[in-house]
Amino acid sequence: GFQFRSIDSLISQKPDKIPTYTYTQVNQT
């Protein structure tokens, strides 16, 4: 839906909901 968000609140998102992406040239199959 439509969002009207303060940048402060977007930056303050809960750490447990933040996914982590890693760059590597090795594919861990």
PDB file of all heavy atoms in Angstrom:
ATOM      1  N   GLY A   1       0.808  -1.213   0.000  1.00  0.00           N
ATOM      2  CA  GLY A   1       0.000   0.000   0.000  1.00  0.00           C
ATOM      3  C   GLY A   1       0.840   1.260   0.000  1.00  0.00           C
ATOM      4  O   GLY A   1       2.063   1.225  -0.141  1.00  0.00           O
ATOM      5  N   PHE A   2       0.154   2.390   0.163  1.00  0.00           N
ATOM      6  CA  PHE A   2       0.830   3.688   0.151  1.00  0.00           C
ATOM      7  C   PHE A   2       1.478   3.948   1.506  1.00  0.00           C
ATOM      8  O   PHE A   2       0.881   3.716   2.560  1.00  0.00           O
ATOM      9  CB  PHE A   2      -0.152   4.803  -0.197  1.00  0.00           C
ATOM     10  CG  PHE A   2      -0.581   4.788  -1.631  1.00  0.00           C
ATOM     11  CD1 PHE A   2      -1.771   4.195  -2.007  1.00  0.00           C
ATOM     12  CD2 PHE A   2       0.224   5.349  -2.621  1.00  0.00           C
ATOM     13  CE1 PHE A   2      -2.171   4.174  -3.334  1.00  0.00           C
ATOM     14  CE2 PHE A   2      -0.158   5.325  -3.944  1.00  0.00           C
ATOM     15  CZ  PHE A   2      -1.349   4.729  -4.308  1.00  0.00           C
ATOM     16  N   GLN A   3       2.707   4.467   1.460  1.00  0.00           N
ATOM     17  CA  GLN A   3       3.493   4.700   2.665  1.00  0.00           C
ATOM     18  C   GLN A   3       3.830   6.191   2.764  1.00  0.00           C
ATOM     19  O   GLN A   3       4.246   6.807   1.781  1.00  0.00           O
ATOM     20  CB  GLN A   3       4.797   3.897   2.619  1.00  0.00           C
ATOM     21  CG  GLN A   3       4.646   2.459   2.152  1.00  0.00           C
ATOM     22  CD  GLN A   3       3.925   1.569   3.141  1.00  0.00           C
ATOM     23  OE1 GLN A   3       4.033   1.778   4.352  1.00  0.00           O
ATOM     24  NE2 GLN A   3       3.189   0.578   2.646  1.00  0.00           N
ATOM     25  N   PHE A   4       3.655   6.735   3.973  1.00  0.00           N
ATOM     26  CA  PHE A   4       4.098   8.097   4.274  1.00  0.00           C
ATOM     27  C   PHE A   4       5.008   7.965   5.485  1.00  0.00           C
ATOM     28  O   PHE A   4       4.558   7.940   6.622  1.00  0.00           O
ATOM     29  CB  PHE A   4       2.899   9.004   4.560  1.00  0.00           C
ATOM     30  CG  PHE A   4       3.255  10.455   4.743  1.00  0.00           C
ATOM     31  CD1 PHE A   4       3.611  11.245   3.660  1.00  0.00           C
ATOM     32  CD2 PHE A   4       3.223  11.049   6.000  1.00  0.00           C
ATOM     33  CE1 PHE A   4       3.924  12.587   3.828  1.00  0.00           C
ATOM     34  CE2 PHE A   4       3.533  12.374   6.183  1.00  0.00           C
ATOM     35  CZ  PHE A   4       3.892  13.146   5.086  1.00  0.00           C
ATOM     36  N   ARG A   5       6.319   7.852   5.236  1.00  0.00           N
ATOM     37  CA  ARG A   5       7.265   7.460   6.270  1.00  0.00           C
ATOM     38  C   ARG A   5       8.321   8.529   6.496  1.00  0.00           C
ATOM     39  O   ARG A   5       8.822   9.147   5.539  1.00  0.00           O
ATOM     40  CB  ARG A   5       7.971   6.154   5.891  1.00  0.00           C
ATOM     41  CG  ARG A   5       7.049   4.973   5.582  1.00  0.00           C
ATOM     42  CD  ARG A   5       6.222   4.559   6.780  1.00  0.00           C
ATOM     43  NE  ARG A   5       7.033   4.326   7.962  1.00  0.00           N
ATOM     44  CZ  ARG A   5       7.662   3.162   8.221  1.00  0.00           C
ATOM     45  NH1 ARG A   5       7.559   2.155   7.355  1.00  0.00           N
ATOM     46  NH2 ARG A   5       8.373   3.025   9.317  1.00  0.00           N
ATOM     47  N   SER A   6       8.663   8.725   7.747  1.00  0.00           N
ATOM     48  CA  SER A   6       9.785   9.599   8.053  1.00  0.00           C
ATOM     49  C   SER A   6      11.067   8.820   7.825  1.00  0.00           C
ATOM     50  O   SER A   6      11.125   7.605   8.063  1.00  0.00           O
ATOM     51  CB  SER A   6       9.711  10.096   9.495  1.00  0.00           C
ATOM     52  OG  SER A   6      10.010   9.060  10.409  1.00  0.00           O
ATOM     53  N   ILE A   7      12.095   9.512   7.368  1.00  0.00           N
ATOM     54  CA  ILE A   7      13.381   8.849   7.140  1.00  0.00           C
ATOM     55  C   ILE A   7      13.937   8.340   8.462  1.00  0.00           C
ATOM     56  O   ILE A   7      14.570   7.279   8.519  1.00  0.00           O
ATOM     57  CB  ILE A   7      14.349   9.815   6.436  1.00  0.00           C
ATOM     58  CG1 ILE A   7      13.794  10.181   5.055  1.00  0.00           C
ATOM     59  CG2 ILE A   7      15.737   9.192   6.293  1.00  0.00           C
ATOM     60  CD1 ILE A   7      14.597  11.221   4.309  1.00  0.00           C
ATOM     61  N   ASP A   8      13.678   9.075   9.547  1.00  0.00           N
ATOM     62  CA  ASP A   8      14.096   8.608  10.877  1.00  0.00           C
ATOM     63  C   ASP A   8      13.527   7.225  11.190  1.00  0.00           C
ATOM     64  O   ASP A   8      14.238   6.339  11.666  1.00  0.00           O
ATOM     65  CB  ASP A   8      13.631   9.595  11.952  1.00  0.00           C
ATOM     66  CG  ASP A   8      14.621  10.728  12.168  1.00  0.00           C
ATOM     67  OD1 ASP A   8      15.629  10.775  11.433  1.00  0.00           O
ATOM     68  OD2 ASP A   8      14.377  11.579  13.029  1.00  0.00           O
ATOM     69  N   SER A   9      12.238   7.035  10.938  1.00  0.00           N
ATOM     70  CA  SER A   9      11.606   5.757  11.276  1.00  0.00           C
ATOM     71  C   SER A   9      12.088   4.638  10.361  1.00  0.00           C
ATOM     72  O   SER A   9      12.218   3.494  10.793  1.00  0.00           O
ATOM     73  CB  SER A   9      10.083   5.879  11.196  1.00  0.00           C
ATOM     74  OG  SER A   9       9.653   6.126   9.872  1.00  0.00           O
ATOM     75  N   LEU A  10      12.367   4.940   9.105  1.00  0.00           N
ATOM     76  CA  LEU A  10      12.898   3.919   8.201  1.00  0.00           C
ATOM     77  C   LEU A  10      14.275   3.452   8.658  1.00  0.00           C
ATOM     78  O   LEU A  10      14.597   2.258   8.634  1.00  0.00           O
ATOM     79  CB  LEU A  10      12.969   4.463   6.768  1.00  0.00           C
ATOM     80  CG  LEU A  10      11.634   4.706   6.060  1.00  0.00           C
ATOM     81  CD1 LEU A  10      11.869   5.352   4.698  1.00  0.00           C
ATOM     82  CD2 LEU A  10      10.850   3.419   5.905  1.00  0.00           C
ATOM     83  N   ILE A  11      15.110   4.401   9.087  1.00  0.00           N
ATOM     84  CA  ILE A  11      16.448   4.049   9.545  1.00  0.00           C
ATOM     85  C   ILE A  11      16.393   3.269  10.851  1.00  0.00           C
ATOM     86  O   ILE A  11      17.272   2.442  11.131  1.00  0.00           O
ATOM     87  CB  ILE A  11      17.303   5.331   9.702  1.00  0.00           C
ATOM     88  CG1 ILE A  11      17.621   5.911   8.313  1.00  0.00           C
ATOM     89  CG2 ILE A  11      18.590   5.072  10.465  1.00  0.00           C
ATOM     90  CD1 ILE A  11      18.401   7.202   8.345  1.00  0.00           C
ATOM     91  N   SER A  12      15.333   3.485  11.650  1.00  0.00           N
ATOM     92  CA  SER A  12      15.236   2.860  12.982  1.00  0.00           C
ATOM     93  C   SER A  12      14.559   1.500  12.942  1.00  0.00           C
ATOM     94  O   SER A  12      14.005   1.059  13.966  1.00  0.00           O
ATOM     95  CB  SER A  12      14.473   3.790  13.924  1.00  0.00           C
ATOM     96  OG  SER A  12      15.097   5.050  14.010  1.00  0.00           O
ATOM     97  N   GLN A  13      14.576   0.820  11.812  1.00  0.00           N
ATOM     98  CA  GLN A  13      13.936  -0.486  11.731  1.00  0.00           C
ATOM     99  C   GLN A  13      14.625  -1.485  12.663  1.00  0.00           C
ATOM    100  O   GLN A  13      15.822  -1.408  12.918  1.00  0.00           O
ATOM    101  CB  GLN A  13      13.972  -0.998  10.290  1.00  0.00           C
ATOM    102  CG  GLN A  13      13.116  -0.171   9.351  1.00  0.00           C
ATOM    103  CD  GLN A  13      13.210  -0.620   7.909  1.00  0.00           C
ATOM    104  OE1 GLN A  13      13.324  -1.803   7.632  1.00  0.00           O
ATOM    105  NE2 GLN A  13      13.173   0.326   6.975  1.00  0.00           N
ATOM    106  N   LYS A  14      13.846  -2.428  13.172  1.00  0.00           N
ATOM    107  CA  LYS A  14      14.355  -3.387  14.150  1.00  0.00           C
ATOM    108  C   LYS A  14      15.463  -4.260  13.550  1.00  0.00           C
ATOM    109  O   LYS A  14      15.315  -4.778  12.442  1.00  0.00           O
ATOM    110  CB  LYS A  14      13.213  -4.267  14.654  1.00  0.00           C
ATOM    111  CG  LYS A  14      12.138  -3.500  15.424  1.00  0.00           C
ATOM    112  CD  LYS A  14      11.049  -4.417  15.911  1.00  0.00           C
ATOM    113  CE  LYS A  14       9.992  -3.641  16.695  1.00  0.00           C
ATOM    114  NZ  LYS A  14       8.895  -4.525  17.175  1.00  0.00           N
ATOM    115  N   PRO A  15      16.564  -4.445  14.294  1.00  0.00           N
ATOM    116  CA  PRO A  15      17.702  -5.230  13.780  1.00  0.00           C
ATOM    117  C   PRO A  15      17.341  -6.664  13.398  1.00  0.00           C
ATOM    118  O   PRO A  15      17.912  -7.209  12.458  1.00  0.00           O
ATOM    119  CB  PRO A  15      18.695  -5.208  14.956  1.00  0.00           C
ATOM    120  CG  PRO A  15      18.336  -3.992  15.738  1.00  0.00           C
ATOM    121  CD  PRO A  15      16.846  -3.857  15.608  1.00  0.00           C
ATOM    122  N   ASP A  16      16.367  -7.266  14.113  1.00  0.00           N
ATOM    123  CA  ASP A  16      16.025  -8.663  13.817  1.00  0.00           C
ATOM    124  C   ASP A  16      15.278  -8.813  12.497  1.00  0.00           C
ATOM    125  O   ASP A  16      15.094  -9.930  12.005  1.00  0.00           O
ATOM    126  CB  ASP A  16      15.200  -9.264  14.953  1.00  0.00           C
ATOM    127  CG  ASP A  16      13.906  -8.503  15.216  1.00  0.00           C
ATOM    128  OD1 ASP A  16      13.784  -7.355  14.741  1.00  0.00           O
ATOM    129  OD2 ASP A  16      13.017  -9.050  15.882  1.00  0.00           O
ATOM    130  N   LYS A  17      14.840  -7.691  11.912  1.00  0.00           N
ATOM    131  CA  LYS A  17      14.145  -7.741  10.629  1.00  0.00           C
ATOM    132  C   LYS A  17      15.050  -7.322   9.466  1.00  0.00           C
ATOM    133  O   LYS A  17      14.590  -7.200   8.338  1.00  0.00           O
ATOM    134  CB  LYS A  17      12.903  -6.849  10.672  1.00  0.00           C
ATOM    135  CG  LYS A  17      11.832  -7.329  11.653  1.00  0.00           C
ATOM    136  CD  LYS A  17      10.588  -6.472  11.566  1.00  0.00           C
ATOM    137  CE  LYS A  17       9.508  -6.995  12.516  1.00  0.00           C
ATOM    138  NZ  LYS A  17       8.273  -6.169  12.431  1.00  0.00           N
ATOM    139  N   ILE A  18      16.316  -7.101   9.761  1.00  0.00           N
ATOM    140  CA  ILE A  18      17.246  -6.648   8.725  1.00  0.00           C
ATOM    141  C   ILE A  18      18.009  -7.854   8.167  1.00  0.00           C
ATOM    142  O   ILE A  18      18.798  -8.478   8.889  1.00  0.00           O
ATOM    143  CB  ILE A  18      18.229  -5.608   9.302  1.00  0.00           C
ATOM    144  CG1 ILE A  18      17.472  -4.352   9.754  1.00  0.00           C
ATOM    145  CG2 ILE A  18      19.283  -5.235   8.269  1.00  0.00           C
ATOM    146  CD1 ILE A  18      18.345  -3.315  10.419  1.00  0.00           C
ATOM    147  N   PRO A  19      17.794  -8.216   6.904  1.00  0.00           N
ATOM    148  CA  PRO A  19      18.544  -9.338   6.319  1.00  0.00           C
ATOM    149  C   PRO A  19      19.983  -8.937   5.997  1.00  0.00           C
ATOM    150  O   PRO A  19      20.279  -7.763   5.774  1.00  0.00           O
ATOM    151  CB  PRO A  19      17.759  -9.648   5.044  1.00  0.00           C
ATOM    152  CG  PRO A  19      17.132  -8.341   4.664  1.00  0.00           C
ATOM    153  CD  PRO A  19      16.836  -7.631   5.957  1.00  0.00           C
ATOM    154  N   THR A  20      20.858  -9.907   5.991  1.00  0.00           N
ATOM    155  CA  THR A  20      22.269  -9.665   5.703  1.00  0.00           C
ATOM    156  C   THR A  20      22.657 -10.348   4.396  1.00  0.00           C
ATOM    157  O   THR A  20      22.417 -11.548   4.216  1.00  0.00           O
ATOM    158  CB  THR A  20      23.158 -10.197   6.846  1.00  0.00           C
ATOM    159  OG1 THR A  20      22.822  -9.525   8.056  1.00  0.00           O
ATOM    160  CG2 THR A  20      24.631  -9.966   6.540  1.00  0.00           C
ATOM    161  N   TYR A  21      23.250  -9.581   3.485  1.00  0.00           N
ATOM    162  CA  TYR A  21      23.732 -10.106   2.210  1.00  0.00           C
ATOM    163  C   TYR A  21      25.253  -9.986   2.156  1.00  0.00           C
ATOM    164  O   TYR A  21      25.818  -8.969   2.580  1.00  0.00           O
ATOM    165  CB  TYR A  21      23.103  -9.351   1.037  1.00  0.00           C
ATOM    166  CG  TYR A  21      21.674  -9.756   0.755  1.00  0.00           C
ATOM    167  CD1 TYR A  21      20.618  -9.128   1.391  1.00  0.00           C
ATOM    168  CD2 TYR A  21      21.397 -10.787  -0.137  1.00  0.00           C
ATOM    169  CE1 TYR A  21      19.306  -9.508   1.151  1.00  0.00           C
ATOM    170  CE2 TYR A  21      20.091 -11.176  -0.389  1.00  0.00           C
ATOM    171  CZ  TYR A  21      19.046 -10.537   0.252  1.00  0.00           C
ATOM    172  OH  TYR A  21      17.755 -10.920   0.009  1.00  0.00           O
ATOM    173  N   THR A  22      25.895 -11.024   1.644  1.00  0.00           N
ATOM    174  CA  THR A  22      27.358 -11.087   1.616  1.00  0.00           C
ATOM    175  C   THR A  22      27.845 -11.263   0.191  1.00  0.00           C
ATOM    176  O   THR A  22      27.294 -12.078  -0.568  1.00  0.00           O
ATOM    177  CB  THR A  22      27.868 -12.255   2.484  1.00  0.00           C
ATOM    178  OG1 THR A  22      27.354 -12.109   3.812  1.00  0.00           O
ATOM    179  CG2 THR A  22      29.389 -12.268   2.532  1.00  0.00           C
ATOM    180  N   TYR A  23      28.847 -10.499  -0.160  1.00  0.00           N
ATOM    181  CA  TYR A  23      29.453 -10.645  -1.489  1.00  0.00           C
ATOM    182  C   TYR A  23      30.642 -11.588  -1.391  1.00  0.00           C
ATOM    183  O   TYR A  23      31.542 -11.409  -0.574  1.00  0.00           O
ATOM    184  CB  TYR A  23      29.915  -9.305  -2.036  1.00  0.00           C
ATOM    185  CG  TYR A  23      30.570  -9.422  -3.396  1.00  0.00           C
ATOM    186  CD1 TYR A  23      29.805  -9.619  -4.537  1.00  0.00           C
ATOM    187  CD2 TYR A  23      31.956  -9.366  -3.534  1.00  0.00           C
ATOM    188  CE1 TYR A  23      30.382  -9.736  -5.786  1.00  0.00           C
ATOM    189  CE2 TYR A  23      32.554  -9.483  -4.779  1.00  0.00           C
ATOM    190  CZ  TYR A  23      31.761  -9.672  -5.905  1.00  0.00           C
ATOM    191  OH  TYR A  23      32.337  -9.798  -7.135  1.00  0.00           O
ATOM    192  N   THR A  24      30.620 -12.611  -2.201  1.00  0.00           N
ATOM    193  CA  THR A  24      31.728 -13.542  -2.295  1.00  0.00           C
ATOM    194  C   THR A  24      31.780 -14.093  -3.702  1.00  0.00           C
ATOM    195  O   THR A  24      30.746 -14.268  -4.348  1.00  0.00           O
ATOM    196  CB  THR A  24      31.600 -14.697  -1.287  1.00  0.00           C
ATOM    197  OG1 THR A  24      32.639 -15.645  -1.521  1.00  0.00           O
ATOM    198  CG2 THR A  24      30.256 -15.394  -1.421  1.00  0.00           C
ATOM    199  N   GLN A  25      32.961 -14.356  -4.160  1.00  0.00           N
ATOM    200  CA  GLN A  25      33.112 -14.924  -5.501  1.00  0.00           C
ATOM    201  C   GLN A  25      33.063 -16.441  -5.483  1.00  0.00           C
ATOM    202  O   GLN A  25      33.199 -17.088  -6.511  1.00  0.00           O
ATOM    203  CB  GLN A  25      34.433 -14.445  -6.115  1.00  0.00           C
ATOM    204  CG  GLN A  25      34.447 -12.950  -6.382  1.00  0.00           C
ATOM    205  CD  GLN A  25      35.744 -12.477  -7.007  1.00  0.00           C
ATOM    206  OE1 GLN A  25      36.783 -13.090  -6.838  1.00  0.00           O
ATOM    207  NE2 GLN A  25      35.685 -11.377  -7.730  1.00  0.00           N
ATOM    208  N   VAL A  26      32.856 -17.009  -4.284  1.00  0.00           N
ATOM    209  CA  VAL A  26      32.753 -18.461  -4.139  1.00  0.00           C
ATOM    210  C   VAL A  26      31.316 -18.818  -3.845  1.00  0.00           C
ATOM    211  O   VAL A  26      30.724 -18.312  -2.894  1.00  0.00           O
ATOM    212  CB  VAL A  26      33.663 -18.980  -2.994  1.00  0.00           C
ATOM    213  CG1 VAL A  26      33.513 -20.493  -2.850  1.00  0.00           C
ATOM    214  CG2 VAL A  26      35.112 -18.601  -3.268  1.00  0.00           C
ATOM    215  N   ASN A  27      30.711 -19.679  -4.655  1.00  0.00           N
ATOM    216  CA  ASN A  27      29.330 -20.101  -4.464  1.00  0.00           C
ATOM    217  C   ASN A  27      29.299 -21.288  -3.512  1.00  0.00           C
ATOM    218  O   ASN A  27      29.761 -22.377  -3.846  1.00  0.00           O
ATOM    219  CB  ASN A  27      28.713 -20.478  -5.811  1.00  0.00           C
ATOM    220  CG  ASN A  27      27.223 -20.780  -5.676  1.00  0.00           C
ATOM    221  OD1 ASN A  27      26.653 -20.661  -4.606  1.00  0.00           O
ATOM    222  ND2 ASN A  27      26.615 -21.184  -6.777  1.00  0.00           N
ATOM    223  N   GLN A  28      28.770 -21.072  -2.299  1.00  0.00           N
ATOM    224  CA  GLN A  28      28.723 -22.127  -1.312  1.00  0.00           C
ATOM    225  C   GLN A  28      27.515 -23.008  -1.588  1.00  0.00           C
ATOM    226  O   GLN A  28      26.458 -22.866  -0.998  1.00  0.00           O
ATOM    227  CB  GLN A  28      28.662 -21.522   0.094  1.00  0.00           C
ATOM    228  CG  GLN A  28      29.846 -20.607   0.402  1.00  0.00           C
ATOM    229  CD  GLN A  28      29.739 -19.980   1.766  1.00  0.00           C
ATOM    230  OE1 GLN A  28      29.195 -20.586   2.681  1.00  0.00           O
ATOM    231  NE2 GLN A  28      30.263 -18.775   1.907  1.00  0.00           N
ATOM    232  N   THR A  29      27.685 -23.958  -2.503  1.00  0.00           N
ATOM    233  CA  THR A  29      26.576 -24.761  -2.985  1.00  0.00           C
ATOM    234  C   THR A  29      25.982 -25.665  -1.920  1.00  0.00           C
ATOM    235  O   THR A  29      24.856 -26.109  -2.038  1.00  0.00           O
ATOM    236  CB  THR A  29      27.036 -25.628  -4.167  1.00  0.00           C
ATOM    237  OG1 THR A  29      28.181 -26.397  -3.752  1.00  0.00           O
ATOM    238  CG2 THR A  29      27.437 -24.769  -5.347  1.00  0.00           C
TER     239      THR A  29
END
